[in-house]
N, C-alpha and C. Protein backbone atom coordinates (compact mmCIF):
# COMPACT_ATOMS: atom_id res chain seq x y z
N MET A 1 0.81 -14.15 12.75
CA MET A 1 1.43 -13.39 11.68
C MET A 1 2.80 -12.91 12.14
N LYS A 2 3.72 -12.93 11.21
CA LYS A 2 5.01 -12.32 11.51
C LYS A 2 5.29 -11.25 10.46
N PHE A 3 6.04 -10.25 10.88
CA PHE A 3 6.39 -9.13 10.01
C PHE A 3 7.88 -9.21 9.71
N ARG A 4 8.22 -9.05 8.44
CA ARG A 4 9.62 -9.14 8.04
C ARG A 4 10.00 -7.90 7.24
N HIS A 5 11.02 -7.19 7.71
CA HIS A 5 11.58 -6.02 7.00
C HIS A 5 12.61 -6.51 5.99
N GLN A 6 12.63 -5.89 4.82
CA GLN A 6 13.67 -6.19 3.85
C GLN A 6 13.78 -5.06 2.83
N LYS A 7 14.94 -4.97 2.20
CA LYS A 7 15.20 -3.90 1.22
C LYS A 7 14.82 -4.33 -0.19
N GLN A 8 14.84 -5.61 -0.48
CA GLN A 8 14.54 -6.10 -1.82
C GLN A 8 13.55 -7.26 -1.72
N LEU A 9 12.86 -7.49 -2.83
CA LEU A 9 11.93 -8.61 -2.93
C LEU A 9 12.48 -9.66 -3.88
N THR A 10 12.25 -10.92 -3.56
CA THR A 10 12.61 -11.98 -4.49
C THR A 10 11.58 -12.03 -5.61
N ALA A 11 11.90 -12.75 -6.67
CA ALA A 11 10.95 -12.90 -7.78
C ALA A 11 9.66 -13.57 -7.29
N ALA A 12 9.78 -14.56 -6.41
CA ALA A 12 8.59 -15.25 -5.89
C ALA A 12 7.74 -14.30 -5.05
N GLU A 13 8.39 -13.46 -4.24
CA GLU A 13 7.65 -12.49 -3.43
C GLU A 13 6.94 -11.47 -4.31
N ARG A 14 7.61 -11.00 -5.35
CA ARG A 14 6.98 -10.05 -6.28
C ARG A 14 5.74 -10.67 -6.92
N SER A 15 5.84 -11.91 -7.30
CA SER A 15 4.70 -12.59 -7.93
C SER A 15 3.53 -12.69 -6.96
N GLU A 16 3.81 -13.09 -5.74
CA GLU A 16 2.75 -13.22 -4.73
C GLU A 16 2.14 -11.86 -4.38
N ILE A 17 2.97 -10.84 -4.29
CA ILE A 17 2.48 -9.49 -3.98
C ILE A 17 1.62 -8.95 -5.11
N ARG A 18 2.01 -9.21 -6.36
CA ARG A 18 1.19 -8.76 -7.49
C ARG A 18 -0.20 -9.36 -7.42
N LEU A 19 -0.31 -10.62 -7.06
CA LEU A 19 -1.63 -11.26 -6.93
C LEU A 19 -2.43 -10.60 -5.81
N LEU A 20 -1.79 -10.32 -4.68
CA LEU A 20 -2.45 -9.62 -3.57
C LEU A 20 -2.91 -8.24 -4.02
N TRP A 21 -2.05 -7.52 -4.70
CA TRP A 21 -2.38 -6.19 -5.25
C TRP A 21 -3.61 -6.28 -6.14
N ASN A 22 -3.60 -7.23 -7.07
CA ASN A 22 -4.71 -7.36 -8.02
C ASN A 22 -6.01 -7.77 -7.35
N ARG A 23 -5.95 -8.48 -6.23
CA ARG A 23 -7.17 -8.86 -5.49
C ARG A 23 -7.73 -7.71 -4.68
N GLU A 24 -6.86 -6.90 -4.07
CA GLU A 24 -7.30 -5.94 -3.06
C GLU A 24 -7.44 -4.50 -3.53
N TYR A 25 -6.68 -4.10 -4.51
CA TYR A 25 -6.79 -2.73 -5.02
C TYR A 25 -7.88 -2.65 -6.08
N PRO A 26 -8.32 -1.43 -6.44
CA PRO A 26 -9.31 -1.30 -7.52
C PRO A 26 -8.82 -1.98 -8.80
N ALA A 27 -9.74 -2.62 -9.50
CA ALA A 27 -9.39 -3.37 -10.71
C ALA A 27 -8.66 -2.50 -11.73
N LYS A 28 -8.97 -1.21 -11.75
CA LYS A 28 -8.31 -0.30 -12.70
C LYS A 28 -6.81 -0.21 -12.47
N LEU A 29 -6.35 -0.58 -11.28
CA LEU A 29 -4.93 -0.50 -10.94
C LEU A 29 -4.21 -1.84 -11.09
N ASN A 30 -4.91 -2.87 -11.56
CA ASN A 30 -4.30 -4.19 -11.68
C ASN A 30 -3.14 -4.21 -12.67
N TYR A 31 -2.21 -5.10 -12.42
CA TYR A 31 -1.10 -5.35 -13.33
C TYR A 31 -1.34 -6.68 -14.03
N ALA A 32 -1.44 -6.63 -15.36
CA ALA A 32 -1.77 -7.82 -16.15
C ALA A 32 -0.67 -8.86 -16.11
N SER A 33 0.56 -8.43 -15.97
CA SER A 33 1.68 -9.38 -15.97
C SER A 33 2.67 -9.03 -14.87
N LEU A 34 3.46 -10.02 -14.51
CA LEU A 34 4.51 -9.79 -13.54
C LEU A 34 5.53 -8.81 -14.09
N ALA A 35 5.78 -8.86 -15.39
CA ALA A 35 6.73 -7.92 -16.01
C ALA A 35 6.27 -6.48 -15.83
N ASP A 36 4.97 -6.23 -15.98
CA ASP A 36 4.43 -4.88 -15.77
C ASP A 36 4.62 -4.43 -14.32
N PHE A 37 4.34 -5.34 -13.39
CA PHE A 37 4.50 -5.02 -11.97
C PHE A 37 5.97 -4.76 -11.64
N ASP A 38 6.85 -5.59 -12.21
CA ASP A 38 8.29 -5.40 -12.00
C ASP A 38 8.75 -4.03 -12.51
N ARG A 39 8.25 -3.61 -13.67
CA ARG A 39 8.62 -2.29 -14.21
C ARG A 39 8.17 -1.18 -13.25
N TYR A 40 6.96 -1.32 -12.70
CA TYR A 40 6.47 -0.34 -11.73
C TYR A 40 7.42 -0.26 -10.54
N LEU A 41 7.73 -1.40 -9.93
CA LEU A 41 8.59 -1.41 -8.75
C LEU A 41 10.00 -0.93 -9.07
N ASP A 42 10.54 -1.38 -10.19
CA ASP A 42 11.93 -1.04 -10.54
C ASP A 42 12.13 0.45 -10.77
N ALA A 43 11.06 1.18 -11.05
CA ALA A 43 11.16 2.62 -11.29
C ALA A 43 11.15 3.45 -10.00
N LEU A 44 10.98 2.79 -8.85
CA LEU A 44 10.85 3.50 -7.58
C LEU A 44 12.13 3.33 -6.75
N PRO A 45 12.89 4.41 -6.56
CA PRO A 45 14.17 4.30 -5.84
C PRO A 45 14.01 4.26 -4.32
N GLY A 46 15.03 3.70 -3.67
CA GLY A 46 15.10 3.74 -2.21
C GLY A 46 14.03 2.95 -1.50
N GLN A 47 13.71 1.78 -2.02
CA GLN A 47 12.61 0.99 -1.46
C GLN A 47 12.97 0.32 -0.13
N SER A 48 11.94 0.19 0.69
CA SER A 48 11.98 -0.60 1.92
C SER A 48 10.64 -1.33 2.00
N HIS A 49 10.66 -2.59 2.42
CA HIS A 49 9.45 -3.42 2.42
C HIS A 49 9.23 -4.03 3.80
N ILE A 50 7.97 -4.22 4.14
CA ILE A 50 7.58 -5.03 5.29
C ILE A 50 6.56 -6.04 4.77
N LEU A 51 6.87 -7.31 4.95
CA LEU A 51 5.95 -8.37 4.55
C LEU A 51 5.25 -8.91 5.78
N MET A 52 3.94 -9.15 5.67
CA MET A 52 3.18 -9.80 6.72
C MET A 52 2.94 -11.23 6.24
N ILE A 53 3.49 -12.19 6.98
CA ILE A 53 3.52 -13.57 6.53
C ILE A 53 2.75 -14.44 7.51
N ASP A 54 1.87 -15.30 6.96
CA ASP A 54 1.07 -16.16 7.83
C ASP A 54 1.84 -17.42 8.22
N GLU A 55 1.18 -18.29 8.97
CA GLU A 55 1.84 -19.47 9.55
C GLU A 55 2.29 -20.49 8.50
N VAL A 56 1.76 -20.42 7.29
CA VAL A 56 2.21 -21.35 6.23
C VAL A 56 3.12 -20.66 5.22
N GLY A 57 3.53 -19.43 5.53
CA GLY A 57 4.50 -18.74 4.70
C GLY A 57 3.94 -17.89 3.57
N ARG A 58 2.62 -17.70 3.54
CA ARG A 58 2.02 -16.86 2.50
C ARG A 58 2.08 -15.39 2.89
N ILE A 59 2.29 -14.54 1.90
CA ILE A 59 2.28 -13.09 2.13
C ILE A 59 0.83 -12.64 2.19
N ARG A 60 0.42 -12.12 3.34
CA ARG A 60 -0.97 -11.68 3.53
C ARG A 60 -1.08 -10.16 3.62
N GLY A 61 0.07 -9.50 3.69
CA GLY A 61 0.09 -8.04 3.71
C GLY A 61 1.45 -7.56 3.26
N TRP A 62 1.46 -6.36 2.70
CA TRP A 62 2.70 -5.78 2.18
C TRP A 62 2.67 -4.28 2.37
N TYR A 63 3.73 -3.77 2.93
CA TYR A 63 3.97 -2.33 3.03
C TYR A 63 5.25 -2.07 2.28
N PHE A 64 5.29 -0.98 1.53
CA PHE A 64 6.57 -0.55 1.00
C PHE A 64 6.61 0.96 0.91
N ASP A 65 7.82 1.49 1.03
CA ASP A 65 8.00 2.92 0.84
C ASP A 65 9.17 3.14 -0.10
N PHE A 66 9.25 4.37 -0.60
CA PHE A 66 10.23 4.71 -1.63
C PHE A 66 10.35 6.23 -1.68
N LYS A 67 11.38 6.70 -2.35
CA LYS A 67 11.60 8.14 -2.51
C LYS A 67 11.01 8.62 -3.83
N ARG A 68 10.32 9.77 -3.76
CA ARG A 68 9.80 10.42 -4.96
C ARG A 68 9.80 11.92 -4.71
N ASP A 69 10.44 12.66 -5.58
CA ASP A 69 10.46 14.12 -5.50
C ASP A 69 10.87 14.62 -4.11
N GLY A 70 11.88 13.97 -3.53
CA GLY A 70 12.40 14.40 -2.24
C GLY A 70 11.55 14.02 -1.04
N GLU A 71 10.49 13.24 -1.25
CA GLU A 71 9.61 12.82 -0.15
C GLU A 71 9.59 11.29 -0.08
N ARG A 72 9.26 10.78 1.10
CA ARG A 72 9.09 9.33 1.28
C ARG A 72 7.62 9.02 1.09
N TRP A 73 7.33 8.16 0.10
CA TRP A 73 5.96 7.74 -0.24
C TRP A 73 5.79 6.28 0.14
N PHE A 74 4.54 5.86 0.32
CA PHE A 74 4.30 4.48 0.73
C PHE A 74 3.01 3.94 0.11
N ALA A 75 2.90 2.63 0.16
CA ALA A 75 1.66 1.92 -0.15
C ALA A 75 1.57 0.74 0.81
N ILE A 76 0.35 0.32 1.08
CA ILE A 76 0.14 -0.82 1.98
C ILE A 76 -1.08 -1.59 1.47
N ILE A 77 -0.98 -2.90 1.53
CA ILE A 77 -2.08 -3.78 1.14
C ILE A 77 -2.21 -4.86 2.21
N ILE A 78 -3.42 -5.07 2.69
CA ILE A 78 -3.71 -6.15 3.64
C ILE A 78 -4.80 -7.02 3.01
N ASP A 79 -4.61 -8.32 3.05
CA ASP A 79 -5.64 -9.25 2.58
C ASP A 79 -6.97 -8.88 3.24
N SER A 80 -8.03 -8.78 2.46
CA SER A 80 -9.32 -8.32 3.00
C SER A 80 -9.84 -9.23 4.12
N ALA A 81 -9.46 -10.50 4.11
CA ALA A 81 -9.88 -11.41 5.18
C ALA A 81 -9.24 -11.05 6.52
N LEU A 82 -8.18 -10.25 6.50
CA LEU A 82 -7.47 -9.89 7.72
C LEU A 82 -7.62 -8.42 8.09
N GLN A 83 -8.42 -7.68 7.35
CA GLN A 83 -8.61 -6.27 7.66
C GLN A 83 -9.47 -6.11 8.91
N GLU A 84 -9.32 -4.97 9.55
CA GLU A 84 -10.05 -4.62 10.78
C GLU A 84 -9.69 -5.52 11.96
N LYS A 85 -8.45 -6.02 11.97
CA LYS A 85 -7.95 -6.83 13.07
C LYS A 85 -6.72 -6.19 13.72
N GLY A 86 -6.41 -4.96 13.32
CA GLY A 86 -5.26 -4.25 13.89
C GLY A 86 -3.94 -4.53 13.21
N LEU A 87 -3.93 -5.41 12.21
CA LEU A 87 -2.67 -5.77 11.56
C LEU A 87 -2.12 -4.64 10.69
N GLY A 88 -2.99 -3.90 10.04
CA GLY A 88 -2.55 -2.75 9.25
C GLY A 88 -1.93 -1.68 10.12
N THR A 89 -2.54 -1.45 11.29
CA THR A 89 -1.98 -0.49 12.23
C THR A 89 -0.62 -0.95 12.73
N GLN A 90 -0.49 -2.25 13.02
CA GLN A 90 0.81 -2.79 13.45
C GLN A 90 1.86 -2.55 12.38
N MET A 91 1.48 -2.81 11.13
CA MET A 91 2.42 -2.66 10.02
C MET A 91 2.82 -1.19 9.86
N LEU A 92 1.85 -0.28 9.94
CA LEU A 92 2.17 1.15 9.85
C LEU A 92 3.05 1.59 11.01
N ASP A 93 2.77 1.10 12.21
CA ASP A 93 3.58 1.47 13.37
C ASP A 93 5.03 1.02 13.18
N LEU A 94 5.23 -0.17 12.61
CA LEU A 94 6.59 -0.62 12.31
C LEU A 94 7.26 0.31 11.30
N ALA A 95 6.53 0.69 10.28
CA ALA A 95 7.08 1.58 9.25
C ALA A 95 7.44 2.94 9.83
N LYS A 96 6.61 3.44 10.72
CA LYS A 96 6.83 4.77 11.30
C LYS A 96 8.10 4.82 12.15
N THR A 97 8.55 3.69 12.68
CA THR A 97 9.76 3.70 13.52
C THR A 97 10.99 4.09 12.72
N ASN A 98 10.96 3.91 11.40
CA ASN A 98 12.11 4.22 10.55
C ASN A 98 11.87 5.43 9.66
N ALA A 99 10.85 6.23 9.94
CA ALA A 99 10.50 7.33 9.05
C ALA A 99 10.22 8.60 9.84
N SER A 100 10.52 9.72 9.23
CA SER A 100 10.13 11.01 9.81
C SER A 100 8.87 11.54 9.14
N GLU A 101 8.59 11.01 7.93
CA GLU A 101 7.42 11.45 7.17
C GLU A 101 7.03 10.34 6.19
N LEU A 102 5.72 10.16 6.01
CA LEU A 102 5.20 9.23 5.00
C LEU A 102 4.09 9.93 4.23
N ASN A 103 4.10 9.77 2.92
CA ASN A 103 3.10 10.38 2.04
C ASN A 103 2.44 9.29 1.21
N GLY A 104 1.17 9.48 0.91
CA GLY A 104 0.47 8.51 0.08
C GLY A 104 -0.69 9.14 -0.65
N TRP A 105 -1.17 8.43 -1.66
CA TRP A 105 -2.40 8.78 -2.37
C TRP A 105 -3.48 7.82 -1.90
N VAL A 106 -4.64 8.35 -1.54
CA VAL A 106 -5.73 7.51 -1.03
C VAL A 106 -7.03 7.87 -1.73
N ALA A 107 -7.70 6.84 -2.24
CA ALA A 107 -9.04 7.05 -2.80
C ALA A 107 -9.94 7.54 -1.67
N ASP A 108 -10.62 8.65 -1.92
CA ASP A 108 -11.50 9.23 -0.89
C ASP A 108 -12.96 9.16 -1.34
N HIS A 109 -13.27 8.10 -2.05
CA HIS A 109 -14.63 7.89 -2.58
C HIS A 109 -14.88 6.39 -2.62
N GLU A 110 -16.10 6.01 -2.93
CA GLU A 110 -16.49 4.59 -2.96
C GLU A 110 -16.94 4.19 -4.37
N ASN A 111 -16.31 4.76 -5.40
CA ASN A 111 -16.75 4.54 -6.78
C ASN A 111 -16.06 3.39 -7.49
N ASP A 112 -15.00 2.84 -6.92
CA ASP A 112 -14.23 1.80 -7.60
C ASP A 112 -14.63 0.41 -7.12
N HIS A 113 -14.28 -0.58 -7.94
CA HIS A 113 -14.54 -1.98 -7.61
C HIS A 113 -13.26 -2.79 -7.76
N LYS A 114 -13.16 -3.83 -6.93
CA LYS A 114 -12.04 -4.75 -7.02
C LYS A 114 -12.29 -5.71 -8.19
N SER A 115 -11.28 -6.49 -8.53
CA SER A 115 -11.39 -7.39 -9.69
C SER A 115 -12.47 -8.45 -9.51
N ASN A 116 -12.85 -8.76 -8.27
CA ASN A 116 -13.92 -9.74 -8.03
C ASN A 116 -15.31 -9.10 -8.05
N GLY A 117 -15.37 -7.80 -8.35
CA GLY A 117 -16.65 -7.09 -8.43
C GLY A 117 -17.09 -6.42 -7.14
N GLU A 118 -16.44 -6.75 -6.03
CA GLU A 118 -16.80 -6.12 -4.75
C GLU A 118 -16.39 -4.65 -4.77
N PRO A 119 -17.13 -3.81 -4.05
CA PRO A 119 -16.73 -2.40 -3.97
C PRO A 119 -15.37 -2.26 -3.28
N TYR A 120 -14.58 -1.31 -3.75
CA TYR A 120 -13.33 -0.97 -3.08
C TYR A 120 -13.66 0.10 -2.05
N ARG A 121 -13.47 -0.25 -0.79
CA ARG A 121 -13.78 0.69 0.30
C ARG A 121 -12.60 1.64 0.52
N SER A 122 -12.90 2.92 0.55
CA SER A 122 -11.85 3.91 0.79
C SER A 122 -11.19 3.66 2.14
N PRO A 123 -9.85 3.61 2.18
CA PRO A 123 -9.16 3.44 3.46
C PRO A 123 -8.85 4.76 4.17
N LEU A 124 -9.43 5.86 3.72
CA LEU A 124 -9.10 7.16 4.29
C LEU A 124 -9.31 7.20 5.80
N ALA A 125 -10.42 6.68 6.29
CA ALA A 125 -10.70 6.70 7.74
C ALA A 125 -9.62 5.94 8.51
N PHE A 126 -9.13 4.84 7.96
CA PHE A 126 -8.05 4.07 8.58
C PHE A 126 -6.81 4.94 8.76
N TYR A 127 -6.44 5.67 7.72
CA TYR A 127 -5.24 6.51 7.81
C TYR A 127 -5.43 7.66 8.78
N LEU A 128 -6.59 8.28 8.78
CA LEU A 128 -6.84 9.37 9.71
C LEU A 128 -6.76 8.87 11.15
N LYS A 129 -7.30 7.67 11.39
CA LYS A 129 -7.24 7.06 12.72
C LYS A 129 -5.80 6.77 13.14
N ASN A 130 -4.93 6.57 12.16
CA ASN A 130 -3.53 6.24 12.43
C ASN A 130 -2.61 7.45 12.34
N GLY A 131 -3.18 8.65 12.50
CA GLY A 131 -2.36 9.84 12.64
C GLY A 131 -1.97 10.56 11.36
N PHE A 132 -2.52 10.15 10.24
CA PHE A 132 -2.24 10.84 8.98
C PHE A 132 -3.15 12.05 8.84
N GLN A 133 -2.67 13.04 8.10
CA GLN A 133 -3.47 14.21 7.76
C GLN A 133 -3.90 14.10 6.31
N GLN A 134 -5.12 14.47 6.06
CA GLN A 134 -5.62 14.58 4.69
C GLN A 134 -5.26 15.97 4.18
N LEU A 135 -4.72 16.04 2.96
CA LEU A 135 -4.36 17.31 2.35
C LEU A 135 -5.30 17.55 1.17
N PRO A 136 -6.52 18.03 1.43
CA PRO A 136 -7.57 18.09 0.40
C PRO A 136 -7.23 18.95 -0.80
N ALA A 137 -6.31 19.88 -0.66
CA ALA A 137 -5.95 20.73 -1.80
C ALA A 137 -5.01 20.03 -2.78
N ILE A 138 -4.47 18.87 -2.38
CA ILE A 138 -3.53 18.15 -3.24
C ILE A 138 -4.18 16.85 -3.68
N ARG A 139 -4.52 16.78 -4.95
CA ARG A 139 -5.24 15.63 -5.48
C ARG A 139 -4.51 15.05 -6.68
N LEU A 140 -4.74 13.78 -6.91
CA LEU A 140 -4.28 13.09 -8.10
C LEU A 140 -5.52 12.67 -8.88
N GLU A 141 -5.66 13.18 -10.08
CA GLU A 141 -6.82 12.84 -10.90
C GLU A 141 -6.33 12.24 -12.21
N LEU A 142 -6.40 10.92 -12.29
CA LEU A 142 -5.97 10.17 -13.48
C LEU A 142 -7.13 9.30 -13.95
N ASP A 143 -7.01 8.76 -15.15
CA ASP A 143 -8.04 7.84 -15.64
C ASP A 143 -8.21 6.66 -14.68
N LYS A 144 -7.09 6.19 -14.12
CA LYS A 144 -7.12 5.01 -13.27
C LYS A 144 -7.35 5.30 -11.79
N LEU A 145 -7.17 6.54 -11.38
CA LEU A 145 -7.19 6.82 -9.95
C LEU A 145 -7.59 8.26 -9.66
N SER A 146 -8.50 8.41 -8.73
CA SER A 146 -8.85 9.72 -8.16
C SER A 146 -8.54 9.61 -6.67
N ALA A 147 -7.58 10.43 -6.20
CA ALA A 147 -7.12 10.27 -4.83
C ALA A 147 -6.71 11.60 -4.23
N VAL A 148 -6.69 11.61 -2.91
CA VAL A 148 -6.24 12.76 -2.15
C VAL A 148 -4.90 12.39 -1.49
N LYS A 149 -4.05 13.38 -1.31
CA LYS A 149 -2.77 13.13 -0.66
C LYS A 149 -2.97 13.07 0.85
N ILE A 150 -2.26 12.13 1.48
CA ILE A 150 -2.22 12.04 2.93
C ILE A 150 -0.76 12.12 3.37
N ARG A 151 -0.56 12.57 4.61
CA ARG A 151 0.80 12.69 5.12
C ARG A 151 0.80 12.42 6.62
N TRP A 152 1.84 11.70 7.04
CA TRP A 152 2.12 11.52 8.46
C TRP A 152 3.50 12.10 8.72
N ARG A 153 3.61 12.84 9.81
CA ARG A 153 4.91 13.38 10.23
C ARG A 153 5.17 13.00 11.67
N ASN A 154 6.40 12.62 11.95
CA ASN A 154 6.83 12.29 13.30
C ASN A 154 7.15 13.59 14.01
N GLU A 155 6.21 14.05 14.81
CA GLU A 155 6.39 15.35 15.48
C GLU A 155 6.44 15.19 16.98
C-alpha cells in the first residue's frame, strides 16, 4: 500500500471514494449519486486528503479533514478487507503530523448496518487506542446518525 497526500480529488477519485463510503459506512449514510457526494464534499472548506492505494491503483482507504466552526474535523474509511492490519493507524499517524487537533463524530453503538446487511462495527475503540478522547457530553443525534464527538490534540 502507498499513501498519497493531496489537496483536491479528481472526478475519478471522488467516484471511487463514494463507492468505498457506501460499502463501509452505515447504509443510512450512503450517497445515491456522485452528484450528492460532490455536494457534500464541496460544502467543506480547507480540505486535505490522504489516499491509500493498492498495487493495482485502487483506492482502498481514504482520510480527509476540513475546517468547520473553527475546528479541524476528519473522516476516515478503510476497506473492511484491510482493517485490523495497522493501516488505519498508519493513515492517522500521517494525518497527525500536519495537525494540532482533529475532531470527529463516531458511532458508539452497534445498531447500524452496512449496505450489504453486515453490522457496522463502532470504531470507537480504534480511536481511543490511537490517542483520541471521547467527549460523552457532546453528541450528534440525527435521523441518519447517532454519534459521540472524539478529539485528538497534539500535546
